[in-house]
C-alpha cells in the first residue's frame, strides 16, 4: 500500500518541482498616447517641426503623421510588451480636414477604433457639434470617452464616465479623463448648453479616495489641457501654461499625466511627476513605461519617450491606408475642385504684432462678403485658422485647401459697436486669456498696442483708424465676425453686446468667393506692436 502511495505522489512532486516560480520584479506596462488628432487621417502637409541638430536655434520639418503611419507605430510599439494600452487626451475630432469632417468625423472614430484605442479624455472640440452628437459618436466608437469634470446640470451626473480601469497581470490601473474648465468660453455656447465644467484638479482629487477604496493605487490622468515647452519633443528645461498649476495641485496618488490642447510635444517632470504631450495630428506617439509593484499595485516609476511618427520610419499600414483611401475617394469631387489661384502659400505663423498672412487674407474675405450688411471692418479669431493656406505646386487653390484652413463652417455676423466698445474688445485679446489671442484684422482698419503696458491698457489711445480716419469713442462701427466670436467665444465678451445684427454667409463660402473673384493677399500690416 505504501509503495502504491509513493508511486502516486512521485509524479506530483516532480510536477511541483518543475513548476515555474512565481513572477518576480515589477510589472512593466507600456502606455501609448496621442492628443489633438483632429481627424487628420491623411499625413498633414505641415509634418512635424523639431530642433535642427545641425543648426542650434533653428527647426527642421519632417514628414510625419497620418492614420496609416500612426497605426504602424502603435502596432510596433505595442508588440514590444503584451502589457500595453493605447489612450488619448482629447480633440480627436473637430476642426478636421474635409476627409473626416464631411462625414461628421465618423471616419476618424472608425480609424482610431481599428487601431485599438482604449480610452480618451473629451476635448473642447468634441463639443463642436454639441453634446448629443458626441454621445452619438460614442455609440459608434470602439473606445470609451471620459468626462470626469463635465456634469449634466439637470441630472447632476457626468455626461460620460469619469474613469476606466484596465488590469495588467491582475494589477488595476485607473485612467481618469477630463477636459479644461474653460471649455465653455472656447466653444459655441449652444454646444455645451446645460453642462457644467468643473475644476480639473478638484475633480481628480475627489475621485482618488473612491479609487483607492477599490484597491486601485495606480492612477493615470488623461487631461485636455496643456503647456508650452522651451525645446524639443523630449526636452523639458522649462514648462509653462495652465497644465503646470493643475499638476501641482493634484493628489500625490496620481502617478502620471497625459495632456494635450496646446498642440505641443513635451516630456516633462512637474513636482517629480511625469507629464507628457504628443504634439498634434498623429505626428508624435508618446511611449510611456510604467513599473507596477506586484505587492502594492502602485507605480514605482514612470518614464516616457516621444517618438516622431516619421513616414520614412513607419510604413503605412495597408488596412488603414485602404480605409483612408476609401474616404479620400468619396470626397474627391468636392475636395479637388479648383476655386482659384494663389502665387504662394500664406502662413498662419504670427508676426510679433500677432497678425499672420493667412489671417489678413481671411479677414479681407469676410469683409468683402458682408459689405452689403454695412460691414466696415472684419475680425477673425486666430484659433479658427487651422493651417497655412497652401496651393498646389502650380498655384492651383482647391476647396480642400480652403477647408483645411477654415473647417468650422460658421455663419458670419455683422454687428454695430461704438469706438469705445471696439477698444474694449481689442483689450480682451490679452485680458482673461491663457495666452494672447490677437484678432486678425481686415484691410483699411488698424491700431497700435504696447506690450510694455499691463493687460487692459495695451491699446494705444487714439490709435484706432478706419480708412485713414480716427475712430472716436462714440463713433458707430459695423464689424463682421463669425458666430463663435459673436456669441462671446474665446472670452471676447464685448461682442455679445453688439447691436443691429445681420447674419451673413458661411465663413468658408465667403473665403471661396473671395478666391474665385481674384482676391489678392495684402502684405501691408494692420496691427502695430510697440515694445
Protein backbone atom coordinates (compact mmCIF):
# COMPACT_ATOMS: atom_id res chain seq x y z
CA UNK A 1 0.00 0.00 0.00
CA UNK A 2 2.81 2.37 0.92
CA UNK A 3 4.60 1.55 -2.32
CA UNK A 4 1.47 2.34 -4.33
CA UNK A 5 1.00 5.70 -2.48
CA UNK A 6 4.61 6.65 -3.10
CA UNK A 7 4.17 5.83 -6.77
CA UNK A 8 1.16 8.13 -6.93
CA UNK A 9 2.82 11.01 -5.09
CA UNK A 10 6.09 10.93 -7.03
CA UNK A 11 4.66 12.46 -10.28
CA UNK A 12 3.01 15.21 -8.27
CA UNK A 13 6.28 16.01 -6.57
CA UNK A 14 8.08 16.11 -9.91
CA UNK A 15 5.40 18.44 -11.35
CA UNK A 16 5.75 20.76 -8.37
CA UNK A 17 9.50 20.78 -8.78
CA UNK A 18 9.16 21.62 -12.48
CA UNK A 19 6.51 24.33 -12.00
CA UNK A 20 7.56 27.88 -12.89
CA UNK A 21 8.47 30.06 -9.91
CA UNK A 22 6.10 32.99 -9.25
CA UNK A 23 6.94 36.12 -11.25
CA UNK A 24 9.50 38.39 -9.66
CA UNK A 25 10.10 42.09 -10.11
CA UNK A 26 7.66 44.81 -11.14
CA UNK A 27 5.00 44.52 -13.83
CA UNK A 28 6.07 46.56 -16.86
CA UNK A 29 3.25 48.39 -18.65
CA UNK A 30 3.50 50.34 -21.91
CA UNK A 31 1.03 53.20 -22.26
CA UNK A 32 0.80 54.64 -25.77
CA UNK A 33 -0.74 58.09 -26.07
CA UNK A 34 -1.78 60.74 -28.59
CA UNK A 35 -3.71 64.00 -28.41
CA UNK A 36 -5.25 66.57 -30.74
CA UNK A 37 -5.61 64.23 -33.72
CA UNK A 38 -8.36 66.46 -35.20
CA UNK A 39 -9.38 63.99 -37.89
CA UNK A 40 -6.04 64.08 -39.71
CA UNK A 41 -6.44 60.73 -41.42
CA UNK A 42 -4.00 61.77 -44.13
CA UNK A 43 -0.44 62.86 -43.42
CA UNK A 44 -0.65 66.59 -42.59
CA UNK A 45 1.15 68.84 -45.02
CA UNK A 46 3.00 70.62 -42.24
CA UNK A 47 4.65 67.46 -40.88
CA UNK A 48 6.47 67.81 -37.57
CA UNK A 49 8.82 70.65 -36.70
CA UNK A 50 11.72 69.80 -34.43
CA UNK A 51 15.03 71.39 -33.42
CA UNK A 52 17.69 71.14 -36.11
CA UNK A 53 20.69 69.38 -34.54
CA UNK A 54 22.97 70.90 -37.16
CA UNK A 55 21.73 74.47 -36.60
CA UNK A 56 21.07 75.38 -32.95
CA UNK A 57 18.13 77.72 -32.58
CA UNK A 58 16.57 76.63 -35.87
CA UNK A 59 13.97 73.99 -36.71
CA UNK A 60 13.51 71.48 -39.49
CA UNK A 61 10.33 69.86 -40.75
CA UNK A 62 9.98 66.12 -41.27
CA UNK A 63 7.01 64.35 -42.92
CA UNK A 64 5.07 62.68 -40.11
CA UNK A 65 1.63 61.56 -39.03
CA UNK A 66 -1.49 60.31 -40.70
CA UNK A 67 -3.64 57.36 -39.64
CA UNK A 68 -1.84 54.71 -41.71
CA UNK A 69 1.61 55.56 -40.33
CA UNK A 70 0.29 56.04 -36.80
CA UNK A 71 -1.35 52.61 -36.94
CA UNK A 72 2.03 51.04 -37.72
CA UNK A 73 3.74 52.96 -34.94
CA UNK A 74 1.10 51.83 -32.43
CA UNK A 75 1.27 48.22 -33.58
CA UNK A 76 5.07 48.04 -33.48
CA UNK A 77 5.29 49.69 -30.08
CA UNK A 78 2.54 47.50 -28.60
CA UNK A 79 4.33 44.38 -29.86
CA UNK A 80 7.24 45.14 -27.52
CA UNK A 81 5.14 44.45 -24.42
CA UNK A 82 2.00 42.32 -24.01
CA UNK A 83 1.01 44.66 -21.16
CA UNK A 84 0.04 47.66 -23.27
CA UNK A 85 -2.79 50.15 -23.70
CA UNK A 86 -3.48 52.93 -26.23
CA UNK A 87 -5.10 56.11 -24.86
CA UNK A 88 -5.64 59.76 -25.85
CA UNK A 89 -6.01 63.20 -24.30
CA UNK A 90 -8.85 64.61 -26.38
CA UNK A 91 -9.64 66.63 -29.51
CA UNK A 92 -9.57 63.50 -31.63
CA UNK A 93 -12.32 65.05 -33.75
CA UNK A 94 -13.48 68.55 -34.62
CA UNK A 95 -11.62 71.18 -36.65
CA UNK A 96 -10.97 68.27 -39.00
CA UNK A 97 -9.94 68.16 -42.66
CA UNK A 98 -12.67 67.55 -45.22
CA UNK A 99 -11.98 63.78 -45.41
CA UNK A 100 -13.29 63.43 -41.85
CA UNK A 101 -15.49 66.50 -41.37
CA UNK A 102 -17.69 65.79 -44.41
CA UNK A 103 -18.77 62.54 -42.73
CA UNK A 104 -19.25 64.07 -39.26
CA UNK A 105 -15.90 62.63 -38.12
CA UNK A 106 -17.17 59.06 -38.30
CA UNK A 107 -14.10 58.03 -40.37
CA UNK A 108 -11.80 59.17 -37.55
CA UNK A 109 -13.78 57.31 -34.91
CA UNK A 110 -13.66 54.22 -37.11
CA UNK A 111 -9.91 54.53 -37.73
CA UNK A 112 -8.94 55.03 -34.09
CA UNK A 113 -11.19 52.19 -33.01
CA UNK A 114 -9.44 49.94 -35.54
CA UNK A 115 -6.07 50.96 -34.07
CA UNK A 116 -7.22 49.64 -30.70
CA UNK A 117 -7.72 52.92 -28.86
CA UNK A 118 -8.91 52.06 -25.34
CA UNK A 119 -9.98 55.40 -23.87
CA UNK A 120 -9.75 59.15 -24.42
CA UNK A 121 -10.47 62.29 -22.49
CA UNK A 122 -13.05 64.53 -24.12
CA UNK A 123 -11.54 67.70 -25.54
CA UNK A 124 -13.23 71.02 -26.18
CA UNK A 125 -13.56 70.19 -29.89
CA UNK A 126 -15.53 67.06 -29.07
CA UNK A 127 -18.32 69.57 -28.32
CA UNK A 128 -18.13 71.40 -31.66
CA UNK A 129 -21.43 69.85 -32.77
CA UNK A 130 -22.90 69.60 -29.29
CA UNK A 131 -23.17 67.02 -26.53
CA UNK A 132 -25.84 64.97 -28.30
CA UNK A 133 -23.56 64.48 -31.31
CA UNK A 134 -20.68 63.48 -29.03
CA UNK A 135 -22.88 60.84 -27.42
CA UNK A 136 -23.93 59.59 -30.87
CA UNK A 137 -20.29 59.14 -31.88
CA UNK A 138 -19.59 57.39 -28.58
CA UNK A 139 -22.16 54.82 -29.63
CA UNK A 140 -20.12 54.13 -32.79
CA UNK A 141 -16.73 54.09 -31.09
CA UNK A 142 -14.74 51.06 -30.01
CA UNK A 143 -13.15 53.17 -27.28
CA UNK A 144 -14.51 54.98 -24.25
CA UNK A 145 -14.68 58.75 -23.96
CA UNK A 146 -14.15 60.04 -20.39
CA UNK A 147 -15.56 63.26 -18.93
CA UNK A 148 -14.94 63.37 -15.19
CA UNK A 149 -15.44 67.13 -14.88
CA UNK A 150 -18.34 67.58 -17.35
CA UNK A 151 -21.62 67.44 -15.45
CA UNK A 152 -25.17 67.49 -16.78
CA UNK A 153 -26.75 70.21 -14.64
CA UNK A 154 -30.22 68.63 -14.91
CA UNK A 155 -29.15 65.24 -13.54
CA UNK A 156 -26.02 66.07 -11.54
CA UNK A 157 -24.22 63.19 -13.25
CA UNK A 158 -21.21 63.27 -15.53
CA UNK A 159 -22.01 63.30 -19.23
CA UNK A 160 -19.71 60.32 -19.77
CA UNK A 161 -17.82 58.02 -17.35
CA UNK A 162 -15.18 59.67 -15.16
CA UNK A 163 -12.66 56.85 -15.48
CA UNK A 164 -11.99 53.34 -16.74
CA UNK A 165 -9.87 50.59 -15.21
CA UNK A 166 -7.60 48.15 -17.04
CA UNK A 167 -5.76 45.27 -15.35
CA UNK A 168 -2.24 44.14 -16.16
CA UNK A 169 -1.31 40.74 -14.71
CA UNK A 170 -4.07 41.33 -12.20
CA UNK A 171 -2.98 44.82 -11.15
CA UNK A 172 -5.61 47.52 -11.81
CA UNK A 173 -4.67 50.85 -13.39
CA UNK A 174 -7.27 53.65 -13.46
CA UNK A 175 -7.40 56.17 -16.29
CA UNK A 176 -9.27 59.37 -15.37
CA UNK A 177 -10.25 61.62 -18.28
CA UNK A 178 -11.43 65.24 -18.44
CA UNK A 179 -11.23 68.50 -20.35
CA UNK A 180 -10.27 72.02 -19.39
CA UNK A 181 -12.54 74.05 -17.14
CA UNK A 182 -12.55 76.91 -19.67
CA UNK A 183 -14.28 74.82 -22.35
CA UNK A 184 -17.50 76.93 -22.35
CA UNK A 185 -15.50 80.02 -23.32
CA UNK A 186 -13.83 78.39 -26.34
CA UNK A 187 -16.72 76.51 -27.96
CA UNK A 188 -20.02 77.63 -29.41
CA UNK A 189 -22.28 78.16 -26.37
CA UNK A 190 -25.09 76.04 -27.78
CA UNK A 191 -22.72 73.08 -27.90
CA UNK A 192 -22.35 72.98 -24.11
CA UNK A 193 -25.74 74.29 -23.00
CA UNK A 194 -26.85 72.60 -19.80
CA UNK A 195 -23.36 71.38 -18.95
CA UNK A 196 -21.03 72.43 -16.16
CA UNK A 197 -17.24 72.11 -16.44
CA UNK A 198 -15.70 71.77 -13.01
CA UNK A 199 -12.20 72.50 -11.73
CA UNK A 200 -9.74 69.98 -13.12
CA UNK A 201 -7.60 69.27 -10.05
CA UNK A 202 -10.53 69.30 -7.62
CA UNK A 203 -12.39 66.79 -9.79
CA UNK A 204 -9.45 64.38 -9.90
CA UNK A 205 -8.64 64.71 -6.22
CA UNK A 206 -12.23 63.89 -5.27
CA UNK A 207 -12.04 60.63 -7.24
CA UNK A 208 -8.82 59.35 -5.68
CA UNK A 209 -10.28 58.10 -2.35
CA UNK A 210 -13.00 56.14 -4.16
CA UNK A 211 -10.43 54.51 -6.45
CA UNK A 212 -8.17 53.63 -3.53
CA UNK A 213 -11.16 52.14 -1.69
CA UNK A 214 -11.46 49.72 -4.63
CA UNK A 215 -7.82 48.71 -4.20
CA UNK A 216 -6.60 50.83 -7.12
CA UNK A 217 -3.26 52.53 -6.44
CA UNK A 218 -2.00 53.18 -9.99
CA UNK A 219 -3.71 56.27 -11.44
CA UNK A 220 -3.07 57.97 -14.80
CA UNK A 221 -4.73 61.24 -15.77
CA UNK A 222 -5.79 61.98 -19.36
CA UNK A 223 -6.43 65.72 -19.47
CA UNK A 224 -7.24 68.02 -22.34
CA UNK A 225 -5.22 70.95 -21.09
CA UNK A 226 -1.58 71.63 -21.72
CA UNK A 227 1.51 73.74 -21.62
CA UNK A 228 4.35 75.21 -23.62
CA UNK A 229 7.83 73.65 -23.57
CA UNK A 230 11.04 75.50 -24.17
CA UNK A 231 12.59 72.99 -26.57
CA UNK A 232 12.04 69.73 -28.48
CA UNK A 233 9.70 66.75 -28.05
CA UNK A 234 11.81 65.04 -25.37
CA UNK A 235 13.39 68.06 -23.74
CA UNK A 236 11.91 69.96 -20.85
CA UNK A 237 14.19 72.60 -19.37
CA UNK A 238 11.02 74.55 -18.63
CA UNK A 239 7.27 74.14 -19.00
CA UNK A 240 4.73 76.94 -18.74
CA UNK A 241 0.99 77.18 -19.18
CA UNK A 242 -2.15 76.06 -17.33
CA UNK A 243 -1.11 72.41 -17.01
CA UNK A 244 1.66 73.29 -14.55
CA UNK A 245 -0.67 74.75 -11.91
CA UNK A 246 -3.14 71.89 -12.34
CA UNK A 247 -0.48 69.20 -11.87
CA UNK A 248 0.95 70.96 -8.83
CA UNK A 249 -2.49 70.73 -7.16
CA UNK A 250 -3.09 67.04 -7.90
CA UNK A 251 -3.34 64.39 -5.19
CA UNK A 252 0.02 62.61 -4.71
CA UNK A 253 -1.62 59.32 -5.74
CA UNK A 254 -1.86 60.47 -9.38
CA UNK A 255 1.19 58.87 -10.95
CA UNK A 256 1.36 60.28 -14.48
CA UNK A 257 -0.36 62.95 -16.56
CA UNK A 258 -1.01 62.69 -20.30
CA UNK A 259 -2.01 66.13 -21.59
CA UNK A 260 -2.99 67.95 -24.79
CA UNK A 261 -4.79 71.05 -26.12
CA UNK A 262 -1.73 73.22 -26.83
CA UNK A 263 -0.58 71.10 -29.80
CA UNK A 264 2.94 70.79 -28.45
CA UNK A 265 5.22 67.84 -27.73
CA UNK A 266 6.91 67.58 -24.36
CA UNK A 267 8.23 65.03 -21.89
CA UNK A 268 8.46 66.73 -18.51
CA UNK A 269 8.52 66.39 -14.74
CA UNK A 270 6.33 68.70 -12.67
CA UNK A 271 6.91 68.27 -8.97
CA UNK A 272 8.57 64.95 -9.76
CA UNK A 273 5.53 63.67 -11.68
CA UNK A 274 5.68 62.64 -15.35
CA UNK A 275 3.75 64.97 -17.70
CA UNK A 276 3.63 64.30 -21.44
CA UNK A 277 2.05 65.62 -24.62
CA UNK A 278 2.28 64.27 -28.17
CA UNK A 279 2.08 67.34 -30.42
CA UNK A 280 -0.84 67.11 -32.88
CA UNK A 281 -2.37 65.28 -35.87
CA UNK A 282 -0.75 61.93 -35.02
CA UNK A 283 2.75 63.24 -35.72
CA UNK A 284 4.05 62.01 -32.34
CA UNK A 285 3.33 58.91 -30.25
CA UNK A 286 4.15 59.05 -26.54
CA UNK A 287 5.59 55.74 -25.32
CA UNK A 288 5.20 55.69 -21.54
CA UNK A 289 6.69 52.93 -19.40
CA UNK A 290 5.07 52.27 -16.02
CA UNK A 291 6.60 49.93 -13.44
CA UNK A 292 3.95 48.48 -11.10
CA UNK A 293 4.70 47.00 -7.70
CA UNK A 294 3.28 43.45 -7.63
CA UNK A 295 2.54 43.66 -3.92
CA UNK A 296 1.02 47.15 -3.52
CA UNK A 297 -0.19 47.75 -7.08
CA UNK A 298 1.29 51.24 -7.07
CA UNK A 299 3.53 52.84 -9.69
CA UNK A 300 7.21 52.55 -8.82
CA UNK A 301 8.47 54.51 -11.80
CA UNK A 302 7.13 56.29 -14.90
CA UNK A 303 9.25 57.22 -17.91
CA UNK A 304 8.44 58.34 -21.43
CA UNK A 305 9.79 58.75 -24.93
CA UNK A 306 8.05 60.92 -27.54
CA UNK A 307 8.50 59.13 -30.84
CA UNK A 308 8.04 61.16 -34.02
CA UNK A 309 5.81 59.16 -36.40
CA UNK A 310 8.03 59.77 -39.40
CA UNK A 311 6.63 58.48 -42.64
CA UNK A 312 10.09 57.21 -43.68
CA UNK A 313 10.40 55.19 -40.45
CA UNK A 314 6.88 53.78 -40.06
CA UNK A 315 5.48 52.32 -43.27
CA UNK A 316 1.79 52.83 -43.95
CA UNK A 317 -0.39 50.08 -42.50
CA UNK A 318 -2.12 48.51 -45.56
CA UNK A 319 -5.56 48.07 -44.00
CA UNK A 320 -5.57 51.58 -42.52
CA UNK A 321 -4.29 53.02 -45.80
CA UNK A 322 -7.17 51.32 -47.63
CA UNK A 323 -9.69 52.77 -45.17
CA UNK A 324 -8.28 56.28 -45.62
CA UNK A 325 -8.18 55.87 -49.40
CA UNK A 326 -11.86 54.91 -49.42
CA UNK A 327 -12.94 58.11 -47.71
CA UNK A 328 -10.46 60.20 -49.70
CA UNK A 329 -12.03 58.92 -52.92
CA UNK A 330 -15.52 59.80 -51.72
CA UNK A 331 -14.60 63.47 -51.15
CA UNK A 332 -12.68 63.93 -54.42
CA UNK A 333 -15.43 65.78 -56.36
CA UNK A 334 -15.69 68.46 -53.67
CA UNK A 335 -12.15 68.43 -52.29
CA UNK A 336 -10.27 68.68 -55.59
CA UNK A 337 -12.45 71.36 -57.15
CA UNK A 338 -10.23 74.28 -58.20
CA UNK A 339 -11.59 77.57 -56.87
CA UNK A 340 -8.79 79.93 -57.88
CA UNK A 341 -5.08 80.54 -57.82
CA UNK A 342 -2.55 81.73 -55.25
CA UNK A 343 1.05 82.60 -56.16
CA UNK A 344 2.49 81.35 -52.84
CA UNK A 345 1.41 79.83 -49.56
CA UNK A 346 0.06 82.10 -46.82
CA UNK A 347 1.40 81.22 -43.39
CA UNK A 348 -0.60 81.29 -40.16
CA UNK A 349 2.61 81.88 -38.20
CA UNK A 350 2.04 85.16 -36.34
CA UNK A 351 4.35 88.15 -36.52
CA UNK A 352 5.36 89.83 -33.23
CA UNK A 353 2.26 92.01 -33.64
CA UNK A 354 0.08 88.88 -33.58
CA UNK A 355 -1.23 89.03 -37.14
CA UNK A 356 -0.48 86.48 -39.85
CA UNK A 357 -0.63 86.46 -43.68
CA UNK A 358 -3.48 83.93 -43.76
CA UNK A 359 -5.28 85.87 -41.01
CA UNK A 360 -5.25 89.06 -43.07
CA UNK A 361 -6.47 87.15 -46.13
CA UNK A 362 -9.41 85.54 -44.34
CA UNK A 363 -10.42 88.81 -42.65
CA UNK A 364 -10.39 90.53 -46.05
CA UNK A 365 -12.60 87.78 -47.46
CA UNK A 366 -15.11 88.20 -44.63
CA UNK A 367 -15.22 91.96 -45.08
CA UNK A 368 -15.82 91.58 -48.83
CA UNK A 369 -18.64 89.09 -48.23
CA UNK A 370 -20.52 91.35 -45.81
CA UNK A 371 -20.21 94.81 -47.35
CA UNK A 372 -23.87 94.54 -48.23
CA UNK A 373 -24.70 94.39 -44.50
CA UNK A 374 -22.78 97.62 -43.97
CA UNK A 375 -19.54 96.00 -42.75
CA UNK A 376 -16.65 98.42 -42.36
CA UNK A 377 -14.14 96.00 -40.88
CA UNK A 378 -13.83 92.29 -40.11
CA UNK A 379 -12.06 90.49 -37.27
CA UNK A 380 -11.11 86.81 -37.24
CA UNK A 381 -10.09 84.70 -34.24
CA UNK A 382 -6.66 83.10 -34.76
CA UNK A 383 -7.82 79.80 -33.26
CA UNK A 384 -10.25 79.42 -36.15
CA UNK A 385 -7.36 79.30 -38.62
CA UNK A 386 -6.14 75.71 -38.53
CA UNK A 387 -3.39 75.61 -41.18
CA UNK A 388 -1.40 77.56 -43.74
CA UNK A 389 -3.25 78.28 -46.97
CA UNK A 390 -1.03 76.29 -49.32
CA UNK A 391 -1.87 75.84 -53.03
CA UNK A 392 -0.63 73.07 -55.31
CA UNK A 393 2.83 73.41 -56.86
CA UNK A 394 1.27 75.06 -59.94
CA UNK A 395 -0.58 77.62 -57.81
CA UNK A 396 -3.99 75.97 -58.05
CA UNK A 397 -6.07 76.53 -54.94
CA UNK A 398 -8.62 73.81 -54.27
CA UNK A 399 -11.63 73.63 -51.98
CA UNK A 400 -9.85 71.20 -49.66
CA UNK A 401 -7.10 73.80 -49.12
CA UNK A 402 -9.67 76.36 -48.00
CA UNK A 403 -11.46 73.88 -45.76
CA UNK A 404 -8.21 72.85 -44.07
CA UNK A 405 -7.77 76.48 -43.03
CA UNK A 406 -11.41 77.06 -42.00
CA UNK A 407 -13.17 73.80 -41.07
CA UNK A 408 -15.76 75.08 -38.58
CA UNK A 409 -18.46 76.19 -41.02
CA UNK A 410 -19.63 79.23 -39.02
CA UNK A 411 -22.00 81.93 -40.24
CA UNK A 412 -20.69 85.47 -40.44
CA UNK A 413 -22.44 88.10 -38.33
CA UNK A 414 -22.24 91.85 -38.88
CA UNK A 415 -22.99 93.97 -35.81
CA UNK A 416 -22.59 97.50 -34.50
CA UNK A 417 -20.11 98.59 -31.83
CA UNK A 418 -19.10 102.04 -30.65
CA UNK A 419 -15.47 103.06 -30.82
CA UNK A 420 -15.21 102.64 -27.06
CA UNK A 421 -16.66 99.12 -27.28
CA UNK A 422 -14.21 98.30 -30.05
CA UNK A 423 -11.31 99.31 -27.79
CA UNK A 424 -12.79 97.17 -25.02
CA UNK A 425 -12.97 94.25 -27.45
CA UNK A 426 -9.35 94.66 -28.51
CA UNK A 427 -8.20 94.79 -24.88
CA UNK A 428 -9.81 91.38 -24.39
CA UNK A 429 -7.11 89.94 -26.64
CA UNK A 430 -4.92 89.80 -23.51
CA UNK A 431 -7.26 90.13 -20.53
CA UNK A 432 -8.60 86.81 -19.26
CA UNK A 433 -6.72 84.78 -21.88
CA UNK A 434 -4.28 81.94 -21.12
CA UNK A 435 -2.15 83.34 -23.95
CA UNK A 436 -2.60 86.31 -26.32
CA UNK A 437 -5.28 85.85 -28.97
CA UNK A 438 -4.72 88.72 -31.40
CA UNK A 439 -7.72 89.12 -33.70
CA UNK A 440 -6.87 89.18 -37.40
CA UNK A 441 -7.96 92.49 -38.94
CA UNK A 442 -9.19 93.35 -42.43
CA UNK A 443 -7.61 95.96 -44.70
CA UNK A 444 -8.46 99.58 -44.03
CA UNK A 445 -8.50 99.11 -40.25
CA UNK A 446 -5.53 99.44 -37.93
CA UNK A 447 -4.32 100.26 -34.43
CA UNK A 448 -1.25 100.03 -32.20
CA UNK A 449 -0.70 98.15 -28.95
CA UNK A 450 2.05 98.39 -26.37
CA UNK A 451 3.42 95.14 -24.92
CA UNK A 452 5.01 97.07 -22.06
CA UNK A 453 1.60 98.10 -20.72
CA UNK A 454 -0.49 95.84 -18.46
CA UNK A 455 -3.39 93.81 -19.85
CA UNK A 456 -6.43 96.06 -20.09
CA UNK A 457 -4.39 99.11 -21.11
CA UNK A 458 -2.41 97.90 -24.12
CA UNK A 459 -4.32 99.51 -27.00
CA UNK A 460 -2.74 102.89 -27.66
CA UNK A 461 -5.25 105.70 -27.05
CA UNK A 462 -6.33 107.34 -30.29
CA UNK A 463 -4.57 104.75 -32.49
CA UNK A 464 -7.71 103.15 -33.96
CA UNK A 465 -8.14 104.19 -37.58
CA UNK A 466 -10.56 103.21 -40.32
CA UNK A 467 -9.71 104.11 -43.91
CA UNK A 468 -7.24 106.67 -42.61
CA UNK A 469 -9.67 108.37 -40.20
CA UNK A 470 -9.52 108.17 -36.43
CA UNK A 471 -12.29 106.20 -34.70
CA UNK A 472 -13.77 108.19 -31.81
CA UNK A 473 -15.27 106.63 -28.67
CA UNK A 474 -18.83 107.47 -29.76
CA UNK A 475 -18.46 106.54 -33.43
CA UNK A 476 -20.62 103.66 -34.62
CA UNK A 477 -18.71 100.95 -36.47
CA UNK A 478 -20.11 97.95 -38.34
CA UNK A 479 -17.95 94.90 -37.54
CA UNK A 480 -18.09 91.42 -39.07
CA UNK A 481 -17.11 88.34 -37.03
CA UNK A 482 -18.09 84.67 -37.10
CA UNK A 483 -20.88 83.29 -34.91
CA UNK A 484 -18.38 81.81 -32.46
CA UNK A 485 -16.96 85.27 -31.70
CA UNK A 486 -20.35 86.99 -31.89
CA UNK A 487 -21.52 84.80 -29.01
CA UNK A 488 -18.50 85.76 -26.87
CA UNK A 489 -16.23 82.85 -27.78
CA UNK A 490 -12.59 82.94 -26.61
CA UNK A 491 -13.72 85.36 -23.89
CA UNK A 492 -14.38 88.19 -26.36
CA UNK A 493 -17.41 89.14 -24.33
CA UNK A 494 -17.66 92.68 -25.71
CA UNK A 495 -19.11 91.22 -28.90
CA UNK A 496 -22.13 89.82 -27.05
CA UNK A 497 -23.38 93.39 -26.73
CA UNK A 498 -23.16 94.06 -30.46
CA UNK A 499 -26.37 95.53 -31.90
CA UNK A 500 -28.22 95.51 -35.23
CA UNK A 501 -27.04 92.00 -36.04
CA UNK A 502 -27.27 90.72 -39.60
CA UNK A 503 -26.45 87.08 -40.30
CA UNK A 504 -24.42 86.59 -43.47
CA UNK A 505 -22.91 83.71 -45.46
CA UNK A 506 -20.85 80.84 -44.09
CA UNK A 507 -17.19 81.65 -43.48
CA UNK A 508 -15.88 79.02 -45.89
CA UNK A 509 -18.27 80.25 -48.61
CA UNK A 510 -17.01 83.80 -48.11
CA UNK A 511 -13.43 82.60 -48.47
CA UNK A 512 -14.23 80.63 -51.61
CA UNK A 513 -16.00 83.61 -53.20
CA UNK A 514 -13.05 85.88 -52.39
CA UNK A 515 -10.59 83.47 -54.01
CA UNK A 516 -12.83 82.87 -57.03
CA UNK A 517 -13.19 86.61 -57.62
CA UNK A 518 -9.42 87.08 -57.60
CA UNK A 519 -8.97 88.47 -54.11
CA UNK A 520 -5.30 89.17 -53.53
CA UNK A 521 -3.17 88.76 -50.42
CA UNK A 522 -2.17 92.06 -48.87
CA UNK A 523 1.16 92.13 -47.01
CA UNK A 524 0.51 95.56 -45.50
CA UNK A 525 0.41 95.25 -41.69
CA UNK A 526 -2.76 96.41 -39.96
CA UNK A 527 -1.59 95.98 -36.36
CA UNK A 528 1.45 97.72 -34.93
CA UNK A 529 3.21 96.43 -31.83
CA UNK A 530 5.17 98.79 -29.60
CA UNK A 531 7.84 97.28 -27.32
